[in-house]
Amino acid sequence: MKVIFVTGTDTGIGKTVISSAVSAFFSLRKKMNVGVMKPFECGLSKTDKDLLPWDAICLREASGSTDGLNIISPYTLEAPCAPEVAAMIEHVSIDISLVDKIFQGLKRSHDLLVIEGAGGVLVPIREHFFFIDLIQKWNAPTLVVSRLGLGTINHTLLTIHLLKERGIKVLGVILNDNAGSDDLPTQTNPTILKKYLADIPILGIFPHVKDLIKGNVDRERMADILAKNINTDPLLEQ
């Protein structure tokens, strides 16, 4: 059983796009039974009268999973805040043992489990328990999604430093061109990061694709984009 935990260097970095593309690739191209999990989804979006966990929906559609959304995302919160804060506002008590039980079940029933975090590794889930603690608890090999543009050097190196300090296996870094820019930082950041990341590989640059996960999720297109731009081999070298 293989696990990939997708974290980011920030919020809005493109974790859902990358997590969905990874799920689609291994499901369609490698013919694996892919499970997905978004343990905590905050900032639910409204469609008509319903508040929907769109990240979890995208992950399920991309992976082809038939698991229920309540399993994929056991905690869904309306407030666009860290889970600890959103849960406090909404008077929800987060039970890590429940999340762990669901994780163990998903792990047993799939060839590959792709887990998407929220924000970065130091986002608090509950008091004194952060996403990095969850990653460490699950001993989950981790894929880091970073922005391609300005600010990524500091954020990426800090994230990698903390993961390595905790003894967490880092599978690599994907630079996401979520801004669609061609300025000087986007041109130079890959080279500088490669220099300072040392033994952690940059797996590639995910191109800017407008509205890739808006509306219906195109699994084939996602898998194709990932295959053409990202070195996927290290993701299964666990």
Foldseek 3Di string as FASTA:
>chain_A
DAEEEEFELFAPLCSLLLLLLLLLQCCPVVVWQEAEAAQEAEQFDDDPHDGDRLSLVSNCQLNVDPDDSCLRYVHYFNHPAQQAVRCVVVVHDDDVVVNVVSVVVRVVPTPYYYYYYGTHQARDNHVPATNLNVCLVVLHAYEYEFELAPPGQVSVVVRLVVCVVSVRHHLAYEHEPQPQDDDDSSVCVVVVNCVPVPPHYHFFYQYHDPPCSPDRHDNVVSNVSCVVTGDCVSSPVD
